[in-house]
PDB file of N, CA and C in Angstrom:
ATOM      1  N   MET A   1     -13.991  -2.525  -5.328  1.00  0.00           N
ATOM      2  CA  MET A   1     -12.866  -1.637  -5.117  1.00  0.00           C
ATOM      3  C   MET A   1     -13.004  -0.937  -3.767  1.00  0.00           C
ATOM      4  N   VAL A   2     -11.894  -0.850  -3.103  1.00  0.00           N
ATOM      5  CA  VAL A   2     -11.833  -0.112  -1.845  1.00  0.00           C
ATOM      6  C   VAL A   2     -11.304   1.277  -2.172  1.00  0.00           C
ATOM      7  N   LYS A   3     -12.063   2.281  -1.806  1.00  0.00           N
ATOM      8  CA  LYS A   3     -11.618   3.655  -1.978  1.00  0.00           C
ATOM      9  C   LYS A   3     -11.342   4.212  -0.604  1.00  0.00           C
ATOM     10  N   GLY A   4     -10.246   4.941  -0.502  1.00  0.00           N
ATOM     11  CA  GLY A   4      -9.909   5.497   0.791  1.00  0.00           C
ATOM     12  C   GLY A   4      -9.083   6.750   0.683  1.00  0.00           C
ATOM     13  N   LYS A   5      -8.814   7.311   1.836  1.00  0.00           N
ATOM     14  CA  LYS A   5      -8.012   8.516   1.926  1.00  0.00           C
ATOM     15  C   LYS A   5      -7.191   8.409   3.202  1.00  0.00           C
ATOM     16  N   THR A   6      -5.886   8.590   3.077  1.00  0.00           N
ATOM     17  CA  THR A   6      -5.025   8.522   4.255  1.00  0.00           C
ATOM     18  C   THR A   6      -5.144   9.812   5.059  1.00  0.00           C
ATOM     19  N   LYS A   7      -4.623   9.783   6.271  1.00  0.00           N
ATOM     20  CA  LYS A   7      -4.678  10.967   7.132  1.00  0.00           C
ATOM     21  C   LYS A   7      -3.997  12.170   6.505  1.00  0.00           C
ATOM     22  N   SER A   8      -2.989  11.931   5.669  1.00  0.00           N
ATOM     23  CA  SER A   8      -2.272  13.037   5.035  1.00  0.00           C
ATOM     24  C   SER A   8      -2.992  13.551   3.790  1.00  0.00           C
ATOM     25  N   GLY A   9      -4.080  12.855   3.396  1.00  0.00           N
ATOM     26  CA  GLY A   9      -4.880  13.329   2.271  1.00  0.00           C
ATOM     27  C   GLY A   9      -4.683  12.582   0.968  1.00  0.00           C
ATOM     28  N   PHE A  10      -3.900  11.508   0.958  1.00  0.00           N
ATOM     29  CA  PHE A  10      -3.708  10.739  -0.265  1.00  0.00           C
ATOM     30  C   PHE A  10      -4.936   9.879  -0.530  1.00  0.00           C
ATOM     31  N   LYS A  11      -5.568  10.082  -1.699  1.00  0.00           N
ATOM     32  CA  LYS A  11      -6.738   9.303  -2.094  1.00  0.00           C
ATOM     33  C   LYS A  11      -6.264   8.118  -2.919  1.00  0.00           C
ATOM     34  N   PHE A  12      -6.846   6.954  -2.628  1.00  0.00           N
ATOM     35  CA  PHE A  12      -6.429   5.753  -3.337  1.00  0.00           C
ATOM     36  C   PHE A  12      -7.613   4.837  -3.598  1.00  0.00           C
ATOM     37  N   GLU A  13      -7.410   3.927  -4.548  1.00  0.00           N
ATOM     38  CA  GLU A  13      -8.338   2.848  -4.845  1.00  0.00           C
ATOM     39  C   GLU A  13      -7.530   1.563  -4.891  1.00  0.00           C
ATOM     40  N   ALA A  14      -8.057   0.513  -4.303  1.00  0.00           N
ATOM     41  CA  ALA A  14      -7.379  -0.775  -4.308  1.00  0.00           C
ATOM     42  C   ALA A  14      -8.420  -1.882  -4.439  1.00  0.00           C
ATOM     43  N   ASN A  15      -8.034  -2.937  -5.113  1.00  0.00           N
ATOM     44  CA  ASN A  15      -8.932  -4.057  -5.316  1.00  0.00           C
ATOM     45  C   ASN A  15      -8.875  -4.988  -4.110  1.00  0.00           C
ATOM     46  N   GLU A  16      -9.984  -5.118  -3.403  1.00  0.00           N
ATOM     47  CA  GLU A  16     -10.007  -5.959  -2.213  1.00  0.00           C
ATOM     48  C   GLU A  16      -9.874  -7.442  -2.547  1.00  0.00           C
ATOM     49  N   LYS A  17     -10.028  -7.804  -3.806  1.00  0.00           N
ATOM     50  CA  LYS A  17      -9.846  -9.195  -4.219  1.00  0.00           C
ATOM     51  C   LYS A  17      -8.411  -9.664  -3.988  1.00  0.00           C
ATOM     52  N   LEU A  18      -7.497  -8.721  -3.877  1.00  0.00           N
ATOM     53  CA  LEU A  18      -6.105  -9.086  -3.624  1.00  0.00           C
ATOM     54  C   LEU A  18      -5.959  -9.915  -2.359  1.00  0.00           C
ATOM     55  N   MET A  19      -6.836  -9.701  -1.406  1.00  0.00           N
ATOM     56  CA  MET A  19      -6.761 -10.428  -0.140  1.00  0.00           C
ATOM     57  C   MET A  19      -7.041 -11.922  -0.330  1.00  0.00           C
ATOM     58  N   HIS A  20      -7.478 -12.294  -1.545  1.00  0.00           N
ATOM     59  CA  HIS A  20      -7.748 -13.689  -1.867  1.00  0.00           C
ATOM     60  C   HIS A  20      -6.864 -14.182  -3.015  1.00  0.00           C
ATOM     61  N   SER A  21      -5.877 -13.406  -3.366  1.00  0.00           N
ATOM     62  CA  SER A  21      -4.965 -13.761  -4.449  1.00  0.00           C
ATOM     63  C   SER A  21      -3.772 -14.536  -3.896  1.00  0.00           C
ATOM     64  N   VAL A  22      -3.544 -15.715  -4.440  1.00  0.00           N
ATOM     65  CA  VAL A  22      -2.433 -16.546  -3.978  1.00  0.00           C
ATOM     66  C   VAL A  22      -1.105 -15.818  -4.174  1.00  0.00           C
ATOM     67  N   SER A  23      -0.884 -15.233  -5.342  1.00  0.00           N
ATOM     68  CA  SER A  23       0.404 -14.570  -5.606  1.00  0.00           C
ATOM     69  C   SER A  23       0.601 -13.366  -4.686  1.00  0.00           C
ATOM     70  N   PHE A  24      -0.456 -12.627  -4.418  1.00  0.00           N
ATOM     71  CA  PHE A  24      -0.360 -11.491  -3.513  1.00  0.00           C
ATOM     72  C   PHE A  24      -0.028 -11.959  -2.092  1.00  0.00           C
ATOM     73  N   LEU A  25      -0.729 -12.982  -1.634  1.00  0.00           N
ATOM     74  CA  LEU A  25      -0.503 -13.481  -0.280  1.00  0.00           C
ATOM     75  C   LEU A  25       0.883 -14.115  -0.125  1.00  0.00           C
ATOM     76  N   MET A  26       1.382 -14.752  -1.183  1.00  0.00           N
ATOM     77  CA  MET A  26       2.737 -15.305  -1.124  1.00  0.00           C
ATOM     78  C   MET A  26       3.767 -14.187  -1.010  1.00  0.00           C
ATOM     79  N   LEU A  27       3.554 -13.116  -1.769  1.00  0.00           N
ATOM     80  CA  LEU A  27       4.452 -11.961  -1.684  1.00  0.00           C
ATOM     81  C   LEU A  27       4.341 -11.313  -0.310  1.00  0.00           C
ATOM     82  N   PHE A  28       3.135 -11.207   0.206  1.00  0.00           N
ATOM     83  CA  PHE A  28       2.917 -10.651   1.540  1.00  0.00           C
ATOM     84  C   PHE A  28       3.666 -11.481   2.588  1.00  0.00           C
ATOM     85  N   ARG A  29       3.614 -12.790   2.436  1.00  0.00           N
ATOM     86  CA  ARG A  29       4.331 -13.679   3.358  1.00  0.00           C
ATOM     87  C   ARG A  29       5.833 -13.421   3.310  1.00  0.00           C
ATOM     88  N   GLU A  30       6.371 -13.213   2.120  1.00  0.00           N
ATOM     89  CA  GLU A  30       7.808 -12.933   1.978  1.00  0.00           C
ATOM     90  C   GLU A  30       8.174 -11.622   2.665  1.00  0.00           C
ATOM     91  N   VAL A  31       7.309 -10.633   2.539  1.00  0.00           N
ATOM     92  CA  VAL A  31       7.538  -9.345   3.202  1.00  0.00           C
ATOM     93  C   VAL A  31       7.511  -9.546   4.713  1.00  0.00           C
ATOM     94  N   GLN A  32       6.546 -10.327   5.195  1.00  0.00           N
ATOM     95  CA  GLN A  32       6.418 -10.570   6.630  1.00  0.00           C
ATOM     96  C   GLN A  32       7.634 -11.288   7.206  1.00  0.00           C
ATOM     97  N   LYS A  33       8.233 -12.156   6.407  1.00  0.00           N
ATOM     98  CA  LYS A  33       9.432 -12.873   6.860  1.00  0.00           C
ATOM     99  C   LYS A  33      10.574 -11.899   7.119  1.00  0.00           C
ATOM    100  N   GLY A  34      10.568 -10.790   6.397  1.00  0.00           N
ATOM    101  CA  GLY A  34      11.577  -9.763   6.610  1.00  0.00           C
ATOM    102  C   GLY A  34      12.917 -10.025   5.952  1.00  0.00           C
ATOM    103  N   GLU A  35      12.988 -11.027   5.102  1.00  0.00           N
ATOM    104  CA  GLU A  35      14.255 -11.361   4.464  1.00  0.00           C
ATOM    105  C   GLU A  35      14.652 -10.344   3.401  1.00  0.00           C
ATOM    106  N   ASP A  36      13.670  -9.743   2.773  1.00  0.00           N
ATOM    107  CA  ASP A  36      13.941  -8.732   1.749  1.00  0.00           C
ATOM    108  C   ASP A  36      12.923  -7.614   1.914  1.00  0.00           C
ATOM    109  N   GLY A  37      13.269  -6.620   2.709  1.00  0.00           N
ATOM    110  CA  GLY A  37      12.359  -5.520   3.002  1.00  0.00           C
ATOM    111  C   GLY A  37      11.939  -4.719   1.787  1.00  0.00           C
ATOM    112  N   LEU A  38      12.727  -4.783   0.723  1.00  0.00           N
ATOM    113  CA  LEU A  38      12.387  -4.012  -0.468  1.00  0.00           C
ATOM    114  C   LEU A  38      11.211  -4.601  -1.246  1.00  0.00           C
ATOM    115  N   LEU A  39      10.834  -5.835  -0.918  1.00  0.00           N
ATOM    116  CA  LEU A  39       9.668  -6.436  -1.564  1.00  0.00           C
ATOM    117  C   LEU A  39       8.386  -5.684  -1.235  1.00  0.00           C
ATOM    118  N   ILE A  40       8.411  -4.881  -0.196  1.00  0.00           N
ATOM    119  CA  ILE A  40       7.222  -4.115   0.178  1.00  0.00           C
ATOM    120  C   ILE A  40       6.774  -3.209  -0.967  1.00  0.00           C
ATOM    121  N   PHE A  41       7.734  -2.750  -1.767  1.00  0.00           N
ATOM    122  CA  PHE A  41       7.369  -1.900  -2.895  1.00  0.00           C
ATOM    123  C   PHE A  41       6.666  -2.696  -3.987  1.00  0.00           C
ATOM    124  N   ASP A  42       7.058  -3.957  -4.174  1.00  0.00           N
ATOM    125  CA  ASP A  42       6.354  -4.825  -5.119  1.00  0.00           C
ATOM    126  C   ASP A  42       4.933  -5.076  -4.638  1.00  0.00           C
ATOM    127  N   LEU A  43       4.809  -5.297  -3.351  1.00  0.00           N
ATOM    128  CA  LEU A  43       3.500  -5.531  -2.755  1.00  0.00           C
ATOM    129  C   LEU A  43       2.610  -4.308  -2.920  1.00  0.00           C
ATOM    130  N   LEU A  44       3.154  -3.148  -2.613  1.00  0.00           N
ATOM    131  CA  LEU A  44       2.385  -1.912  -2.731  1.00  0.00           C
ATOM    132  C   LEU A  44       2.016  -1.628  -4.184  1.00  0.00           C
ATOM    133  N   GLU A  45       2.902  -1.980  -5.109  1.00  0.00           N
ATOM    134  CA  GLU A  45       2.587  -1.783  -6.525  1.00  0.00           C
ATOM    135  C   GLU A  45       1.428  -2.691  -6.939  1.00  0.00           C
ATOM    136  N   GLN A  46       1.361  -3.904  -6.389  1.00  0.00           N
ATOM    137  CA  GLN A  46       0.221  -4.778  -6.687  1.00  0.00           C
ATOM    138  C   GLN A  46      -1.072  -4.183  -6.147  1.00  0.00           C
ATOM    139  N   VAL A  47      -0.995  -3.548  -4.999  1.00  0.00           N
ATOM    140  CA  VAL A  47      -2.190  -2.970  -4.381  1.00  0.00           C
ATOM    141  C   VAL A  47      -2.657  -1.726  -5.143  1.00  0.00           C
ATOM    142  N   LEU A  48      -1.732  -0.840  -5.441  1.00  0.00           N
ATOM    143  CA  LEU A  48      -2.092   0.455  -6.028  1.00  0.00           C
ATOM    144  C   LEU A  48      -1.951   0.524  -7.538  1.00  0.00           C
ATOM    145  N   GLY A  49      -1.065  -0.273  -8.097  1.00  0.00           N
ATOM    146  CA  GLY A  49      -0.712  -0.126  -9.510  1.00  0.00           C
ATOM    147  C   GLY A  49       0.386   0.921  -9.632  1.00  0.00           C
ATOM    148  N   LYS A  50       1.068   0.914 -10.770  1.00  0.00           N
ATOM    149  CA  LYS A  50       2.217   1.813 -10.958  1.00  0.00           C
ATOM    150  C   LYS A  50       1.831   3.283 -10.867  1.00  0.00           C
ATOM    151  N   GLU A  51       0.729   3.635 -11.507  1.00  0.00           N
ATOM    152  CA  GLU A  51       0.336   5.050 -11.574  1.00  0.00           C
ATOM    153  C   GLU A  51       0.038   5.615 -10.184  1.00  0.00           C
ATOM    154  N   GLN A  52      -0.759   4.883  -9.401  1.00  0.00           N
ATOM    155  CA  GLN A  52      -1.072   5.371  -8.054  1.00  0.00           C
ATOM    156  C   GLN A  52       0.154   5.358  -7.146  1.00  0.00           C
ATOM    157  N   LEU A  53       1.035   4.364  -7.336  1.00  0.00           N
ATOM    158  CA  LEU A  53       2.253   4.318  -6.531  1.00  0.00           C
ATOM    159  C   LEU A  53       3.112   5.548  -6.805  1.00  0.00           C
ATOM    160  N   GLU A  54       3.229   5.923  -8.067  1.00  0.00           N
ATOM    161  CA  GLU A  54       3.988   7.135  -8.411  1.00  0.00           C
ATOM    162  C   GLU A  54       3.342   8.371  -7.801  1.00  0.00           C
ATOM    163  N   LYS A  55       2.011   8.418  -7.799  1.00  0.00           N
ATOM    164  CA  LYS A  55       1.304   9.545  -7.179  1.00  0.00           C
ATOM    165  C   LYS A  55       1.547   9.579  -5.676  1.00  0.00           C
ATOM    166  N   LEU A  56       1.616   8.396  -5.062  1.00  0.00           N
ATOM    167  CA  LEU A  56       1.889   8.330  -3.627  1.00  0.00           C
ATOM    168  C   LEU A  56       3.289   8.851  -3.324  1.00  0.00           C
ATOM    169  N   ILE A  57       4.248   8.460  -4.129  1.00  0.00           N
ATOM    170  CA  ILE A  57       5.622   8.943  -3.941  1.00  0.00           C
ATOM    171  C   ILE A  57       5.668  10.458  -4.086  1.00  0.00           C
ATOM    172  N   ASP A  58       4.977  10.990  -5.088  1.00  0.00           N
ATOM    173  CA  ASP A  58       4.900  12.448  -5.245  1.00  0.00           C
ATOM    174  C   ASP A  58       4.224  13.086  -4.034  1.00  0.00           C
ATOM    175  N   HIS A  59       3.211  12.421  -3.507  1.00  0.00           N
ATOM    176  CA  HIS A  59       2.458  12.947  -2.370  1.00  0.00           C
ATOM    177  C   HIS A  59       3.331  13.095  -1.126  1.00  0.00           C
ATOM    178  N   ILE A  60       4.228  12.150  -0.902  1.00  0.00           N
ATOM    179  CA  ILE A  60       5.053  12.204   0.307  1.00  0.00           C
ATOM    180  C   ILE A  60       6.311  13.049   0.133  1.00  0.00           C
ATOM    181  N   ARG A  61       6.600  13.444  -1.098  1.00  0.00           N
ATOM    182  CA  ARG A  61       7.806  14.225  -1.383  1.00  0.00           C
ATOM    183  C   ARG A  61       7.695  15.612  -0.751  1.00  0.00           C
ATOM    184  N   ASP A  62       8.757  16.021  -0.056  1.00  0.00           N
ATOM    185  CA  ASP A  62       8.748  17.340   0.581  1.00  0.00           C
ATOM    186  C   ASP A  62       9.230  18.420  -0.389  1.00  0.00           C
ATOM    187  N   GLU A  63       9.285  19.648   0.106  1.00  0.00           N
ATOM    188  CA  GLU A  63       9.646  20.797  -0.751  1.00  0.00           C
ATOM    189  C   GLU A  63      11.075  20.704  -1.294  1.00  0.00           C
ATOM    190  N   ASP A  64      11.917  19.896  -0.657  1.00  0.00           N
ATOM    191  CA  ASP A  64      13.289  19.704  -1.140  1.00  0.00           C
ATOM    192  C   ASP A  64      13.405  18.536  -2.103  1.00  0.00           C
ATOM    193  N   GLY A  65      12.282  17.880  -2.412  1.00  0.00           N
ATOM    194  CA  GLY A  65      12.285  16.760  -3.337  1.00  0.00           C
ATOM    195  C   GLY A  65      12.610  15.426  -2.688  1.00  0.00           C
ATOM    196  N   PHE A  66      12.620  15.387  -1.350  1.00  0.00           N
ATOM    197  CA  PHE A  66      12.972  14.156  -0.630  1.00  0.00           C
ATOM    198  C   PHE A  66      11.715  13.357  -0.338  1.00  0.00           C
ATOM    199  N   ASP A  67      11.712  12.094  -0.737  1.00  0.00           N
ATOM    200  CA  ASP A  67      10.582  11.203  -0.479  1.00  0.00           C
ATOM    201  C   ASP A  67      10.976  10.213   0.616  1.00  0.00           C
ATOM    202  N   ASP A  68      10.608  10.538   1.816  1.00  0.00           N
ATOM    203  CA  ASP A  68      11.036   9.857   3.037  1.00  0.00           C
ATOM    204  C   ASP A  68      10.364   8.495   3.218  1.00  0.00           C
ATOM    205  N   ILE A  69      11.156   7.469   3.527  1.00  0.00           N
ATOM    206  CA  ILE A  69      10.626   6.114   3.718  1.00  0.00           C
ATOM    207  C   ILE A  69       9.698   6.036   4.928  1.00  0.00           C
ATOM    208  N   ASP A  70       9.942   6.839   5.953  1.00  0.00           N
ATOM    209  CA  ASP A  70       9.057   6.820   7.116  1.00  0.00           C
ATOM    210  C   ASP A  70       7.655   7.309   6.747  1.00  0.00           C
ATOM    211  N   LYS A  71       7.584   8.336   5.915  1.00  0.00           N
ATOM    212  CA  LYS A  71       6.278   8.822   5.459  1.00  0.00           C
ATOM    213  C   LYS A  71       5.602   7.765   4.591  1.00  0.00           C
ATOM    214  N   MET A  72       6.400   7.106   3.740  1.00  0.00           N
ATOM    215  CA  MET A  72       5.856   6.055   2.876  1.00  0.00           C
ATOM    216  C   MET A  72       5.295   4.925   3.727  1.00  0.00           C
ATOM    217  N   THR A  73       6.011   4.557   4.769  1.00  0.00           N
ATOM    218  CA  THR A  73       5.565   3.478   5.656  1.00  0.00           C
ATOM    219  C   THR A  73       4.238   3.827   6.308  1.00  0.00           C
ATOM    220  N   GLU A  74       4.087   5.065   6.772  1.00  0.00           N
ATOM    221  CA  GLU A  74       2.829   5.494   7.380  1.00  0.00           C
ATOM    222  C   GLU A  74       1.675   5.360   6.399  1.00  0.00           C
ATOM    223  N   GLU A  75       1.914   5.783   5.166  1.00  0.00           N
ATOM    224  CA  GLU A  75       0.874   5.702   4.142  1.00  0.00           C
ATOM    225  C   GLU A  75       0.531   4.239   3.843  1.00  0.00           C
ATOM    226  N   MET A  76       1.554   3.392   3.717  1.00  0.00           N
ATOM    227  CA  MET A  76       1.335   1.978   3.415  1.00  0.00           C
ATOM    228  C   MET A  76       0.504   1.313   4.505  1.00  0.00           C
ATOM    229  N   VAL A  77       0.825   1.600   5.754  1.00  0.00           N
ATOM    230  CA  VAL A  77       0.086   1.001   6.867  1.00  0.00           C
ATOM    231  C   VAL A  77      -1.388   1.382   6.777  1.00  0.00           C
ATOM    232  N   GLU A  78      -1.668   2.632   6.515  1.00  0.00           N
ATOM    233  CA  GLU A  78      -3.060   3.080   6.419  1.00  0.00           C
ATOM    234  C   GLU A  78      -3.786   2.409   5.261  1.00  0.00           C
ATOM    235  N   ILE A  79      -3.099   2.241   4.141  1.00  0.00           N
ATOM    236  CA  ILE A  79      -3.714   1.610   2.967  1.00  0.00           C
ATOM    237  C   ILE A  79      -4.005   0.150   3.259  1.00  0.00           C
ATOM    238  N   PHE A  80      -3.043  -0.561   3.857  1.00  0.00           N
ATOM    239  CA  PHE A  80      -3.266  -1.966   4.189  1.00  0.00           C
ATOM    240  C   PHE A  80      -4.346  -2.126   5.261  1.00  0.00           C
ATOM    241  N   GLU A  81      -4.414  -1.201   6.184  1.00  0.00           N
ATOM    242  CA  GLU A  81      -5.475  -1.247   7.196  1.00  0.00           C
ATOM    243  C   GLU A  81      -6.846  -1.076   6.542  1.00  0.00           C
ATOM    244  N   ALA A  82      -6.925  -0.205   5.553  1.00  0.00           N
ATOM    245  CA  ALA A  82      -8.193  -0.002   4.844  1.00  0.00           C
ATOM    246  C   ALA A  82      -8.605  -1.269   4.107  1.00  0.00           C
ATOM    247  N   LEU A  83      -7.642  -1.965   3.502  1.00  0.00           N
ATOM    248  CA  LEU A  83      -7.945  -3.225   2.826  1.00  0.00           C
ATOM    249  C   LEU A  83      -8.443  -4.276   3.817  1.00  0.00           C
ATOM    250  N   ALA A  84      -7.757  -4.389   4.947  1.00  0.00           N
ATOM    251  CA  ALA A  84      -8.138  -5.369   5.961  1.00  0.00           C
ATOM    252  C   ALA A  84      -9.513  -5.061   6.518  1.00  0.00           C
ATOM    253  N   GLU A  85      -9.791  -3.779   6.728  1.00  0.00           N
ATOM    254  CA  GLU A  85     -11.087  -3.358   7.259  1.00  0.00           C
ATOM    255  C   GLU A  85     -12.205  -3.686   6.275  1.00  0.00           C
ATOM    256  N   ALA A  86     -11.945  -3.450   4.986  1.00  0.00           N
ATOM    257  CA  ALA A  86     -12.940  -3.769   3.960  1.00  0.00           C
ATOM    258  C   ALA A  86     -13.205  -5.265   3.933  1.00  0.00           C
ATOM    259  N   GLU A  87     -12.169  -6.065   4.118  1.00  0.00           N
ATOM    260  CA  GLU A  87     -12.322  -7.513   4.144  1.00  0.00           C
ATOM    261  C   GLU A  87     -13.143  -7.951   5.358  1.00  0.00           C
ATOM    262  N   GLU A  88     -12.876  -7.354   6.514  1.00  0.00           N
ATOM    263  CA  GLU A  88     -13.619  -7.678   7.730  1.00  0.00           C
ATOM    264  C   GLU A  88     -15.094  -7.303   7.599  1.00  0.00           C
ATOM    265  N   THR A  89     -15.345  -6.167   6.984  1.00  0.00           N
ATOM    266  CA  THR A  89     -16.712  -5.685   6.800  1.00  0.00           C
ATOM    267  C   THR A  89     -17.501  -6.631   5.895  1.00  0.00           C
ATOM    268  N   LYS A  90     -16.810  -7.191   4.904  1.00  0.00           N
ATOM    269  CA  LYS A  90     -17.452  -8.116   3.974  1.00  0.00           C
ATOM    270  C   LYS A  90     -17.902  -9.402   4.666  1.00  0.00           C
ATOM    271  N   ASN A  91     -17.141  -9.831   5.623  1.00  0.00           N
ATOM    272  CA  ASN A  91     -17.422 -11.122   6.273  1.00  0.00           C
ATOM    273  C   ASN A  91     -18.340 -10.965   7.409  1.00  0.00           C
TER     274      ASN A  91
END
């Protein structure tokens, strides 16, 4: 398991085995193609699981209850970077 913390303070755990999962990589490829940008949420749910994803959404929510996609994107990038870094460290 990869444990990390984003710059904004969100603590997460993710299974680095996902980087070797065919279904995960196929979904990642679909996201990269850019044909359906909303698939990124499916991808993130595979990485974090439903419970952590809900916590992440709560984490980025401001005092007015708005959960901004730009903040979500920043968090996602940091989480994926942590996964990639863990994979590089392993090899």
